[in-house]
N, C-alpha and C. Protein backbone atom coordinates (compact mmCIF):
# COMPACT_ATOMS: atom_id res chain seq x y z
N UNK A 1 -23.85 32.27 12.44
CA UNK A 1 -23.97 33.37 11.56
C UNK A 1 -23.98 34.71 11.99
N UNK A 2 -24.45 34.90 13.28
CA UNK A 2 -24.59 36.09 13.88
C UNK A 2 -23.31 36.69 14.19
N UNK A 3 -22.48 35.69 14.69
CA UNK A 3 -21.00 36.14 15.06
C UNK A 3 -20.29 36.62 13.85
N UNK A 4 -20.55 35.94 12.60
CA UNK A 4 -19.91 36.34 11.48
C UNK A 4 -20.24 37.70 10.86
N UNK A 5 -21.72 37.81 11.06
CA UNK A 5 -22.19 39.22 10.55
C UNK A 5 -21.57 40.30 11.52
N UNK A 6 -21.64 40.06 12.80
CA UNK A 6 -21.05 40.99 13.67
C UNK A 6 -19.68 41.48 13.48
N UNK A 7 -18.95 40.24 13.21
CA UNK A 7 -17.56 40.49 12.89
C UNK A 7 -17.36 41.32 11.85
N UNK A 8 -17.87 41.21 10.62
CA UNK A 8 -17.63 41.73 9.43
C UNK A 8 -18.20 43.12 9.38
N UNK A 9 -19.33 43.30 10.03
CA UNK A 9 -19.74 44.68 10.28
C UNK A 9 -18.81 45.58 11.06
N UNK A 10 -18.29 44.97 12.25
CA UNK A 10 -17.53 45.76 12.90
C UNK A 10 -16.19 46.26 12.34
N UNK A 11 -15.72 45.47 11.27
CA UNK A 11 -14.59 45.79 10.58
C UNK A 11 -14.69 46.94 9.50
N UNK A 12 -15.85 46.66 8.80
CA UNK A 12 -16.02 47.39 7.43
C UNK A 12 -17.17 48.46 7.79
N UNK A 13 -18.27 48.09 8.29
CA UNK A 13 -19.40 49.03 8.19
C UNK A 13 -19.19 50.02 9.49
N UNK A 14 -18.85 49.43 10.71
CA UNK A 14 -18.73 50.32 11.90
C UNK A 14 -17.28 50.37 12.27
N UNK A 15 -16.43 50.77 11.18
CA UNK A 15 -15.08 50.91 11.52
C UNK A 15 -14.63 52.01 12.31
N UNK A 16 -14.02 51.75 13.40
CA UNK A 16 -13.64 52.92 14.29
C UNK A 16 -13.07 54.18 13.67
N UNK A 17 -12.29 54.00 12.70
CA UNK A 17 -11.72 55.18 12.11
C UNK A 17 -12.55 55.90 11.18
N UNK A 18 -13.18 55.18 10.26
CA UNK A 18 -13.88 55.79 9.21
C UNK A 18 -15.35 56.11 9.39
N UNK A 19 -15.94 55.27 10.34
CA UNK A 19 -17.44 55.55 10.63
C UNK A 19 -17.49 56.39 11.90
N UNK A 20 -16.58 56.41 12.75
CA UNK A 20 -16.73 57.14 14.11
C UNK A 20 -15.58 58.12 14.33
N UNK A 21 -14.58 58.00 13.64
CA UNK A 21 -13.31 58.93 13.62
C UNK A 21 -12.70 58.80 15.13
N UNK A 22 -12.62 57.53 15.69
CA UNK A 22 -11.98 57.42 17.03
C UNK A 22 -10.80 56.84 16.83
N UNK A 23 -9.81 57.56 17.62
CA UNK A 23 -8.33 57.26 17.74
C UNK A 23 -7.40 57.82 16.55
N UNK A 24 -8.00 58.98 16.05
CA UNK A 24 -7.41 59.73 15.01
C UNK A 24 -6.10 60.20 15.23
N UNK A 25 -5.75 60.68 16.59
CA UNK A 25 -4.36 61.39 16.75
C UNK A 25 -3.31 60.32 16.59
N UNK A 26 -3.42 59.14 17.41
CA UNK A 26 -2.48 58.09 17.08
C UNK A 26 -2.45 57.45 15.58
N UNK A 27 -3.54 57.46 15.09
CA UNK A 27 -3.80 56.99 13.63
C UNK A 27 -3.03 57.98 12.68
N UNK A 28 -3.00 59.24 12.78
CA UNK A 28 -2.28 60.10 11.86
C UNK A 28 -0.85 60.22 12.23
N UNK A 29 -0.41 60.23 13.50
CA UNK A 29 1.02 60.24 13.90
C UNK A 29 1.81 59.03 13.79
N UNK A 30 1.29 57.66 13.84
CA UNK A 30 1.91 56.65 13.90
C UNK A 30 1.97 55.90 12.43
N UNK A 31 1.23 56.46 11.59
CA UNK A 31 1.06 55.87 10.32
C UNK A 31 2.13 56.44 9.18
N UNK A 32 3.37 56.84 9.63
CA UNK A 32 4.23 57.23 8.76
C UNK A 32 5.05 56.04 7.87
N UNK A 33 5.13 55.00 8.66
CA UNK A 33 5.74 53.70 7.89
C UNK A 33 4.98 52.66 8.47
N UNK A 34 5.09 51.40 7.81
CA UNK A 34 4.33 50.23 7.91
C UNK A 34 4.77 49.48 9.15
N UNK A 35 6.03 49.51 9.43
CA UNK A 35 6.49 48.85 10.80
C UNK A 35 5.96 49.27 11.93
N UNK A 36 5.93 50.54 12.21
CA UNK A 36 5.43 51.16 13.41
C UNK A 36 3.98 51.15 13.35
N UNK A 37 3.28 51.27 12.25
CA UNK A 37 1.76 51.15 12.17
C UNK A 37 1.31 49.62 12.50
N UNK A 38 2.22 48.79 12.00
CA UNK A 38 1.78 47.33 12.17
C UNK A 38 1.82 47.19 13.67
N UNK A 39 2.94 47.54 14.34
CA UNK A 39 3.08 47.17 15.70
C UNK A 39 1.98 47.93 16.70
N UNK A 40 1.50 49.14 16.36
CA UNK A 40 0.72 49.72 17.09
C UNK A 40 -0.87 49.20 16.81
N UNK A 41 -0.97 48.82 15.61
CA UNK A 41 -2.25 48.07 15.27
C UNK A 41 -2.40 46.73 15.95
N UNK A 42 -1.49 46.11 16.06
CA UNK A 42 -1.56 44.75 16.89
C UNK A 42 -1.73 45.01 18.32
N UNK A 43 -1.12 46.13 18.72
CA UNK A 43 -1.28 46.36 20.35
C UNK A 43 -2.67 46.88 20.46
N UNK A 44 -3.29 47.62 19.69
CA UNK A 44 -4.71 47.97 19.84
C UNK A 44 -5.59 46.77 19.74
N UNK A 45 -5.29 45.81 18.86
CA UNK A 45 -6.14 44.62 18.80
C UNK A 45 -5.99 43.73 20.03
N UNK A 46 -5.02 43.43 20.56
CA UNK A 46 -4.48 43.01 21.90
C UNK A 46 -5.41 43.74 23.04
N UNK A 47 -5.23 44.95 23.19
CA UNK A 47 -5.86 45.70 24.24
C UNK A 47 -7.37 45.69 24.12
N UNK A 48 -7.97 45.84 22.90
CA UNK A 48 -9.32 45.60 22.68
C UNK A 48 -9.96 44.34 22.94
N UNK A 49 -9.24 43.22 22.52
CA UNK A 49 -9.58 41.74 22.83
C UNK A 49 -9.62 41.35 24.15
N UNK A 50 -8.79 42.07 24.93
CA UNK A 50 -8.55 41.73 26.40
C UNK A 50 -9.60 42.58 27.35
N UNK A 51 -9.59 43.81 26.86
CA UNK A 51 -10.55 44.61 27.71
C UNK A 51 -11.98 44.71 27.57
N UNK A 52 -12.39 44.54 26.31
CA UNK A 52 -13.90 44.79 26.09
C UNK A 52 -14.62 43.44 26.72
N UNK A 53 -14.21 42.22 26.37
CA UNK A 53 -15.09 41.24 27.17
C UNK A 53 -15.00 41.34 28.65
N UNK A 54 -13.82 41.70 29.31
CA UNK A 54 -13.81 41.84 30.71
C UNK A 54 -14.59 43.24 31.15
N UNK A 55 -14.60 44.25 30.40
CA UNK A 55 -15.67 45.39 30.54
C UNK A 55 -17.00 45.00 30.52
N UNK A 56 -17.32 43.95 29.51
CA UNK A 56 -18.71 43.53 29.39
C UNK A 56 -19.15 42.77 30.73
N UNK A 57 -18.24 41.95 31.17
CA UNK A 57 -18.59 41.15 32.35
C UNK A 57 -18.83 42.13 33.63
N UNK A 58 -17.94 43.03 33.71
CA UNK A 58 -18.09 44.01 34.81
C UNK A 58 -19.17 44.86 34.66
N UNK A 59 -19.56 45.22 33.50
CA UNK A 59 -20.85 46.00 33.28
C UNK A 59 -22.01 45.28 33.53
N UNK A 60 -22.17 43.88 33.22
CA UNK A 60 -23.37 43.12 33.29
C UNK A 60 -23.45 42.61 34.79
N UNK A 61 -22.32 42.33 35.55
CA UNK A 61 -22.56 41.67 36.75
C UNK A 61 -22.21 42.48 37.94
N UNK A 62 -21.75 43.58 37.72
CA UNK A 62 -21.30 44.73 38.83
C UNK A 62 -21.90 46.01 38.76
N UNK A 63 -21.97 46.53 37.39
CA UNK A 63 -22.24 47.98 37.35
C UNK A 63 -23.76 48.21 37.04
N UNK A 64 -24.49 47.23 36.35
CA UNK A 64 -25.87 47.49 35.85
C UNK A 64 -26.62 46.73 36.75
N UNK A 65 -27.76 47.63 37.32
CA UNK A 65 -28.81 46.89 38.24
C UNK A 65 -29.60 46.01 37.57
N UNK A 66 -30.11 45.03 38.22
CA UNK A 66 -30.95 43.96 37.70
C UNK A 66 -30.56 42.68 38.22
N UNK A 67 -31.07 41.43 37.82
CA UNK A 67 -31.11 40.28 38.28
C UNK A 67 -29.63 39.69 38.22
N UNK A 68 -28.88 40.04 37.34
CA UNK A 68 -27.52 39.60 37.20
C UNK A 68 -26.53 40.29 38.06
N UNK A 69 -26.83 41.37 38.70
CA UNK A 69 -26.05 42.17 39.66
C UNK A 69 -25.54 41.49 40.75
N UNK A 70 -24.45 41.13 41.14
CA UNK A 70 -23.90 40.49 42.40
C UNK A 70 -24.30 41.17 43.55
N UNK A 71 -24.51 42.42 43.53
CA UNK A 71 -24.85 43.32 44.67
C UNK A 71 -26.28 43.35 44.92
N UNK A 72 -27.19 42.73 44.12
CA UNK A 72 -28.69 42.84 44.18
C UNK A 72 -29.21 43.61 42.98
N UNK A 73 -30.61 43.41 42.85
CA UNK A 73 -31.18 44.22 41.75
C UNK A 73 -31.32 45.61 41.92
N UNK A 74 -31.37 46.05 43.15
CA UNK A 74 -31.52 47.52 43.26
C UNK A 74 -30.20 48.43 43.32
N UNK A 75 -29.01 47.72 43.35
CA UNK A 75 -27.83 48.38 43.35
C UNK A 75 -27.36 48.98 41.91
N UNK A 76 -27.13 50.22 41.92
CA UNK A 76 -27.10 50.87 40.45
C UNK A 76 -25.57 51.54 40.56
N UNK A 77 -24.65 50.81 39.92
CA UNK A 77 -23.24 51.38 39.96
C UNK A 77 -22.84 51.83 38.59
N UNK A 78 -23.71 52.21 37.70
CA UNK A 78 -23.36 52.44 36.34
C UNK A 78 -22.72 53.79 36.08
N UNK A 79 -22.78 54.54 37.21
CA UNK A 79 -22.30 55.91 37.17
C UNK A 79 -20.57 55.77 37.14
N UNK A 80 -20.11 54.59 37.56
CA UNK A 80 -18.68 54.19 37.77
C UNK A 80 -18.25 53.64 36.33
N UNK A 81 -18.94 53.50 35.35
CA UNK A 81 -18.68 52.73 34.01
C UNK A 81 -17.38 53.37 33.54
N UNK A 82 -17.28 54.80 33.41
CA UNK A 82 -16.14 55.31 32.72
C UNK A 82 -14.95 55.03 33.56
N UNK A 83 -14.98 55.21 34.83
CA UNK A 83 -13.55 55.09 35.75
C UNK A 83 -13.32 53.62 35.49
N UNK A 84 -14.11 52.72 35.76
CA UNK A 84 -13.78 51.23 35.65
C UNK A 84 -13.13 50.92 34.30
N UNK A 85 -13.98 51.22 33.39
CA UNK A 85 -13.58 50.94 32.04
C UNK A 85 -12.15 51.47 31.67
N UNK A 86 -11.87 52.69 32.14
CA UNK A 86 -10.48 53.32 31.86
C UNK A 86 -9.42 52.63 32.70
N UNK A 87 -9.79 52.30 33.86
CA UNK A 87 -8.92 51.51 34.87
C UNK A 87 -8.35 50.32 34.20
N UNK A 88 -9.48 49.41 33.63
CA UNK A 88 -9.16 48.17 32.88
C UNK A 88 -8.25 48.31 31.93
N UNK A 89 -8.39 49.39 30.96
CA UNK A 89 -7.76 49.58 29.74
C UNK A 89 -6.33 50.10 30.20
N UNK A 90 -6.21 50.75 31.04
CA UNK A 90 -4.91 51.42 31.41
C UNK A 90 -4.12 50.15 32.08
N UNK A 91 -4.68 49.34 32.68
CA UNK A 91 -3.88 48.13 33.20
C UNK A 91 -3.29 47.34 31.99
N UNK A 92 -4.15 47.14 31.09
CA UNK A 92 -3.69 46.29 30.03
C UNK A 92 -2.84 47.01 29.09
N UNK A 93 -2.82 48.21 29.00
CA UNK A 93 -1.96 49.12 28.23
C UNK A 93 -0.65 49.02 28.81
N UNK A 94 -0.46 49.12 30.15
CA UNK A 94 0.60 49.03 30.82
C UNK A 94 1.28 47.69 30.60
N UNK A 95 0.58 46.65 30.68
CA UNK A 95 1.03 45.21 30.30
C UNK A 95 1.69 44.99 28.86
N UNK A 96 0.94 45.76 28.01
CA UNK A 96 1.51 45.71 26.55
C UNK A 96 2.72 46.65 26.43
N UNK A 97 2.88 47.74 27.12
CA UNK A 97 3.96 48.51 27.12
C UNK A 97 5.25 47.84 27.60
N UNK A 98 5.04 46.92 28.78
CA UNK A 98 6.03 46.43 29.33
C UNK A 98 6.62 45.18 28.36
N UNK A 99 5.65 44.50 27.76
CA UNK A 99 6.02 43.37 26.81
C UNK A 99 6.77 43.82 25.66
N UNK A 100 6.43 45.01 25.12
CA UNK A 100 6.95 45.31 23.82
C UNK A 100 8.42 46.11 24.30
N UNK A 101 8.61 46.91 25.44
CA UNK A 101 9.74 47.29 25.77
C UNK A 101 10.78 46.17 26.02
N UNK A 102 10.32 45.00 26.50
CA UNK A 102 11.13 43.95 26.90
C UNK A 102 11.66 43.17 25.77
N UNK A 103 10.58 42.80 24.82
CA UNK A 103 10.82 41.89 23.59
C UNK A 103 11.13 42.72 22.25
N UNK A 104 10.73 43.76 22.08
CA UNK A 104 10.80 44.61 20.93
C UNK A 104 11.30 46.00 21.16
N UNK A 105 12.39 46.25 21.48
CA UNK A 105 12.87 47.70 22.09
C UNK A 105 12.91 48.68 20.87
N UNK A 106 13.21 47.94 19.65
CA UNK A 106 13.15 49.02 18.44
C UNK A 106 11.76 49.53 18.36
N UNK A 107 10.70 48.70 18.20
CA UNK A 107 9.42 49.14 18.07
C UNK A 107 9.06 49.98 19.23
N UNK A 108 9.56 49.68 20.57
CA UNK A 108 9.14 50.47 21.52
C UNK A 108 9.67 51.98 21.23
N UNK A 109 10.78 52.20 21.02
CA UNK A 109 11.43 53.39 20.64
C UNK A 109 10.69 54.17 19.58
N UNK A 110 10.31 53.42 18.47
CA UNK A 110 9.70 54.07 17.34
C UNK A 110 8.35 54.50 17.71
N UNK A 111 7.68 53.79 18.48
CA UNK A 111 6.15 54.26 18.92
C UNK A 111 6.29 55.31 19.74
N UNK A 112 7.30 55.38 20.73
CA UNK A 112 7.38 56.59 21.58
C UNK A 112 6.21 56.77 22.46
N UNK A 113 5.64 57.93 22.57
CA UNK A 113 4.63 58.28 23.64
C UNK A 113 3.25 57.63 23.24
N UNK A 114 3.15 57.22 21.95
CA UNK A 114 2.07 56.65 21.37
C UNK A 114 1.59 55.31 21.81
N UNK A 115 2.53 54.46 22.39
CA UNK A 115 2.20 53.32 23.05
C UNK A 115 1.42 53.43 24.38
N UNK A 116 1.95 54.16 25.43
CA UNK A 116 1.16 54.26 26.60
C UNK A 116 -0.01 55.08 26.36
N UNK A 117 -0.06 56.00 25.25
CA UNK A 117 -1.44 56.56 25.00
C UNK A 117 -2.38 55.61 24.40
N UNK A 118 -2.19 54.46 24.22
CA UNK A 118 -3.29 53.48 23.86
C UNK A 118 -4.50 53.60 24.95
N UNK A 119 -3.99 53.87 26.18
CA UNK A 119 -4.88 53.93 27.33
C UNK A 119 -5.91 55.02 27.17
N UNK A 120 -5.53 56.01 26.55
CA UNK A 120 -6.54 57.09 26.20
C UNK A 120 -6.99 57.08 24.78
N UNK A 121 -6.76 56.03 24.10
CA UNK A 121 -7.15 55.98 22.63
C UNK A 121 -8.57 55.85 22.65
N UNK A 122 -9.30 56.81 22.00
CA UNK A 122 -10.71 57.01 21.91
C UNK A 122 -11.33 55.61 21.17
N UNK A 123 -10.64 54.91 20.49
CA UNK A 123 -11.21 53.82 19.89
C UNK A 123 -11.28 52.57 20.96
N UNK A 124 -10.42 52.53 21.74
CA UNK A 124 -10.52 51.42 23.01
C UNK A 124 -11.48 51.84 23.80
N UNK A 125 -11.72 52.89 24.25
CA UNK A 125 -12.98 53.16 25.23
C UNK A 125 -14.15 53.25 24.47
N UNK A 126 -14.04 53.82 23.30
CA UNK A 126 -15.20 53.82 22.38
C UNK A 126 -15.95 52.24 22.21
N UNK A 127 -14.87 51.38 22.01
CA UNK A 127 -15.47 50.05 21.93
C UNK A 127 -16.20 49.58 23.18
N UNK A 128 -15.79 49.84 24.38
CA UNK A 128 -16.55 49.54 25.64
C UNK A 128 -17.74 50.23 25.50
N UNK A 129 -17.82 51.45 25.25
CA UNK A 129 -19.14 52.29 25.34
C UNK A 129 -19.96 51.91 24.36
N UNK A 130 -19.65 51.56 23.17
CA UNK A 130 -20.50 50.87 22.18
C UNK A 130 -20.97 49.65 22.52
N UNK A 131 -20.34 48.78 23.21
CA UNK A 131 -20.67 47.63 23.82
C UNK A 131 -21.94 47.59 24.69
N UNK A 132 -21.80 48.65 25.61
CA UNK A 132 -22.90 49.05 26.35
C UNK A 132 -24.16 49.50 25.72
N UNK A 133 -23.95 50.28 24.68
CA UNK A 133 -25.01 50.75 23.75
C UNK A 133 -25.61 49.69 22.97
N UNK A 134 -24.91 48.64 22.43
CA UNK A 134 -25.46 47.69 21.51
C UNK A 134 -26.03 46.47 22.38
N UNK A 135 -25.63 46.53 23.84
CA UNK A 135 -26.32 45.60 24.59
C UNK A 135 -26.25 44.04 24.11
N UNK A 136 -25.05 43.58 24.26
CA UNK A 136 -24.77 42.20 23.69
C UNK A 136 -25.30 41.31 24.68
N UNK A 137 -25.73 40.09 24.15
CA UNK A 137 -26.28 39.09 24.95
C UNK A 137 -25.41 38.33 25.75
N UNK A 138 -24.17 38.05 25.17
CA UNK A 138 -23.13 37.35 26.01
C UNK A 138 -21.75 37.94 25.79
N UNK A 139 -20.79 37.28 26.66
CA UNK A 139 -19.50 37.69 26.31
C UNK A 139 -18.87 37.26 25.02
N UNK A 140 -19.30 36.23 24.39
CA UNK A 140 -18.79 35.86 23.07
C UNK A 140 -19.10 37.10 21.96
N UNK A 141 -20.17 37.50 22.11
CA UNK A 141 -20.43 38.79 21.16
C UNK A 141 -19.60 39.92 21.37
N UNK A 142 -19.24 40.09 22.64
CA UNK A 142 -18.38 41.27 23.00
C UNK A 142 -16.87 41.09 22.51
N UNK A 143 -16.50 39.68 22.50
CA UNK A 143 -15.11 39.30 22.10
C UNK A 143 -15.19 39.36 20.66
N UNK A 144 -16.09 39.06 19.82
CA UNK A 144 -16.16 39.00 18.50
C UNK A 144 -16.21 40.57 17.96
N UNK A 145 -16.87 41.30 18.72
CA UNK A 145 -17.10 42.82 18.42
C UNK A 145 -15.69 43.41 18.58
N UNK A 146 -14.91 43.03 19.81
CA UNK A 146 -13.62 43.56 19.98
C UNK A 146 -12.56 43.11 19.05
N UNK A 147 -12.54 41.89 18.49
CA UNK A 147 -11.75 41.46 17.55
C UNK A 147 -11.90 42.10 16.21
N UNK A 148 -13.21 42.38 15.66
CA UNK A 148 -13.48 42.88 14.54
C UNK A 148 -13.16 44.43 14.62
N UNK A 149 -13.49 45.12 15.52
CA UNK A 149 -13.17 46.43 15.78
C UNK A 149 -11.59 46.84 15.77
N UNK A 150 -10.72 45.86 16.55
CA UNK A 150 -9.32 46.06 16.42
C UNK A 150 -8.88 45.83 14.96
N UNK A 151 -9.39 44.61 14.44
CA UNK A 151 -8.99 44.43 12.95
C UNK A 151 -9.24 45.57 12.09
N UNK A 152 -10.37 46.16 12.13
CA UNK A 152 -10.74 47.40 11.41
C UNK A 152 -9.93 48.39 11.56
N UNK A 153 -9.46 48.86 12.77
CA UNK A 153 -8.44 49.77 13.28
C UNK A 153 -7.11 49.47 12.51
N UNK A 154 -6.70 48.13 12.72
CA UNK A 154 -5.43 47.71 12.15
C UNK A 154 -5.37 47.94 10.58
N UNK A 155 -6.38 47.56 9.97
CA UNK A 155 -6.47 47.73 8.68
C UNK A 155 -6.37 49.19 8.16
N UNK A 156 -7.02 49.86 8.86
CA UNK A 156 -7.01 51.30 8.41
C UNK A 156 -5.56 51.92 8.74
N UNK A 157 -4.92 51.61 9.64
CA UNK A 157 -3.61 52.28 10.03
C UNK A 157 -2.44 51.74 8.99
N UNK A 158 -2.55 50.29 8.75
CA UNK A 158 -1.53 49.96 7.88
C UNK A 158 -1.61 50.21 6.51
N UNK A 159 -3.03 50.42 6.07
CA UNK A 159 -3.27 50.77 4.90
C UNK A 159 -2.88 52.09 4.57
N UNK A 160 -3.03 53.19 5.57
CA UNK A 160 -2.58 54.54 5.37
C UNK A 160 -1.10 54.60 5.39
N UNK A 161 -0.49 53.69 6.19
CA UNK A 161 0.95 53.82 6.27
C UNK A 161 1.64 53.20 5.10
N UNK A 162 1.08 52.34 4.44
CA UNK A 162 1.48 51.95 3.07
C UNK A 162 1.38 52.85 2.01
N UNK A 163 0.27 53.49 2.14
CA UNK A 163 0.09 54.68 0.96
C UNK A 163 1.03 55.81 1.34
N UNK A 164 1.33 56.18 2.57
CA UNK A 164 2.24 57.27 2.86
C UNK A 164 3.69 56.94 2.65
N UNK A 165 3.84 55.65 2.69
CA UNK A 165 5.25 55.31 2.24
C UNK A 165 5.57 55.57 0.64
N UNK A 166 4.46 55.29 0.06
CA UNK A 166 4.39 55.44 -1.50
C UNK A 166 4.44 56.89 -1.88
N UNK A 167 3.91 57.62 -0.89
CA UNK A 167 3.64 59.12 -1.24
C UNK A 167 5.04 59.85 -1.26
N UNK A 168 5.94 59.28 -0.54
CA UNK A 168 7.17 59.89 -0.34
C UNK A 168 8.05 59.89 -1.58
N UNK A 169 7.70 58.96 -2.55
CA UNK A 169 8.28 58.90 -3.72
C UNK A 169 7.57 59.59 -4.74
N UNK A 170 6.29 60.22 -4.46
CA UNK A 170 5.46 60.75 -5.62
C UNK A 170 5.74 62.31 -5.61
N UNK A 171 5.41 62.81 -6.62
CA UNK A 171 5.53 64.41 -6.92
C UNK A 171 4.25 65.07 -6.37
N UNK A 172 4.33 65.22 -4.99
CA UNK A 172 3.21 65.87 -4.30
C UNK A 172 3.38 67.67 -4.41
N UNK A 173 2.35 68.16 -4.80
CA UNK A 173 2.52 69.72 -4.75
C UNK A 173 3.06 70.27 -3.43
N UNK A 174 3.84 71.07 -3.58
CA UNK A 174 4.49 71.69 -2.24
C UNK A 174 3.53 72.12 -1.07
N UNK A 175 2.56 72.66 -1.34
CA UNK A 175 1.45 73.01 -0.22
C UNK A 175 0.86 71.93 0.33
N UNK A 176 0.76 70.67 -0.27
CA UNK A 176 0.10 69.53 0.26
C UNK A 176 0.90 68.60 0.87
N UNK A 177 2.28 68.74 0.72
CA UNK A 177 3.24 67.66 1.43
C UNK A 177 2.93 67.64 2.81
N UNK A 178 3.31 66.30 3.28
CA UNK A 178 2.95 66.05 4.87
C UNK A 178 1.51 65.75 5.16
N UNK A 179 1.06 66.61 6.18
CA UNK A 179 -0.13 66.29 6.84
C UNK A 179 -1.41 66.60 5.69
N UNK A 180 -1.04 67.48 4.86
CA UNK A 180 -2.19 67.85 3.86
C UNK A 180 -2.58 66.80 3.02
N UNK A 181 -1.64 66.07 2.30
CA UNK A 181 -1.98 65.11 1.51
C UNK A 181 -2.34 63.81 2.34
N UNK A 182 -2.03 63.72 3.58
CA UNK A 182 -2.37 62.61 4.41
C UNK A 182 -3.94 62.84 4.78
N UNK A 183 -4.46 64.19 4.92
CA UNK A 183 -5.81 64.48 5.33
C UNK A 183 -6.57 64.08 3.91
N UNK A 184 -6.20 64.33 2.91
CA UNK A 184 -6.99 64.10 1.64
C UNK A 184 -6.91 62.50 1.45
N UNK A 185 -6.05 61.86 1.63
CA UNK A 185 -5.74 60.31 1.58
C UNK A 185 -6.90 59.60 2.42
N UNK A 186 -6.81 60.30 3.78
CA UNK A 186 -7.66 59.67 4.88
C UNK A 186 -9.16 59.88 4.30
N UNK A 187 -9.53 61.10 3.89
CA UNK A 187 -10.90 61.40 3.28
C UNK A 187 -11.37 60.44 2.23
N UNK A 188 -10.45 60.30 1.41
CA UNK A 188 -10.82 59.32 0.18
C UNK A 188 -10.97 57.87 0.80
N UNK A 189 -10.16 57.42 1.71
CA UNK A 189 -10.20 56.07 2.24
C UNK A 189 -11.61 56.11 3.11
N UNK A 190 -11.98 57.14 3.62
CA UNK A 190 -13.17 57.18 4.38
C UNK A 190 -14.41 56.93 3.36
N UNK A 191 -14.40 57.59 2.29
CA UNK A 191 -15.47 57.68 1.23
C UNK A 191 -15.38 56.26 0.69
N UNK A 192 -14.27 55.71 0.65
CA UNK A 192 -14.31 54.16 0.05
C UNK A 192 -14.92 53.34 0.99
N UNK A 193 -14.65 53.49 2.33
CA UNK A 193 -15.24 52.68 3.27
C UNK A 193 -16.68 52.74 3.33
N UNK A 194 -17.27 53.97 3.01
CA UNK A 194 -18.60 54.30 3.19
C UNK A 194 -19.46 53.24 2.24
N UNK A 195 -18.68 52.63 1.27
CA UNK A 195 -19.36 51.79 0.35
C UNK A 195 -20.02 50.52 0.90
N UNK A 196 -19.29 50.35 2.02
CA UNK A 196 -19.55 48.93 2.79
C UNK A 196 -20.89 49.19 3.67
N UNK A 197 -21.25 50.50 3.83
CA UNK A 197 -22.51 50.83 4.47
C UNK A 197 -23.89 50.19 3.84
N UNK A 198 -23.58 50.10 2.61
CA UNK A 198 -24.67 49.47 1.74
C UNK A 198 -25.08 47.95 1.83
N UNK A 199 -23.97 47.31 2.50
CA UNK A 199 -24.13 45.86 2.61
C UNK A 199 -25.16 45.42 3.66
N UNK A 200 -26.27 44.64 3.51
CA UNK A 200 -27.09 44.23 4.18
C UNK A 200 -26.52 42.88 4.95
N UNK A 201 -26.27 43.07 6.25
CA UNK A 201 -25.82 41.77 7.07
C UNK A 201 -26.87 41.31 7.97
């Protein structure tokens, strides 16, 4: 039950986009059509699910001082957290980039620079930093949180891409066309997601 609660909360209540505004640059840039949004969303889920549990293990057994630290209870390497987390994220991002380039070249070309930029996507690093802050008791909780956070980001970008595709056929006033109506749409989606904050989990 705790895992289900954490999973649902990470998707809707603590949504990376609408609760913390993390990963907004790629969210706005790649959400012009559903196909590319779907590809980037799946890539973000993969990187989050792979990196967050690994960063949890590194944080618990190497970086944080205490009885679990393999270097002894007095060794504090927590100042290396940012560097280690980013290195792990960059390694998995490189792996995703190579896989997509090999097997999905059309998606690779449509994502452009935003695929390698997953390495500096604030939502990915934010997941690892929130993992530290939430102090999960085991690697299972971190994996569930990673999957939920990734799905929340995926739902947000695919939903916006679907709306933006429909908006191309709508009569939007000239001053609001393009990024203007997109900002308004994102704001309304954020307000809609705020309704989930009232859920008691």
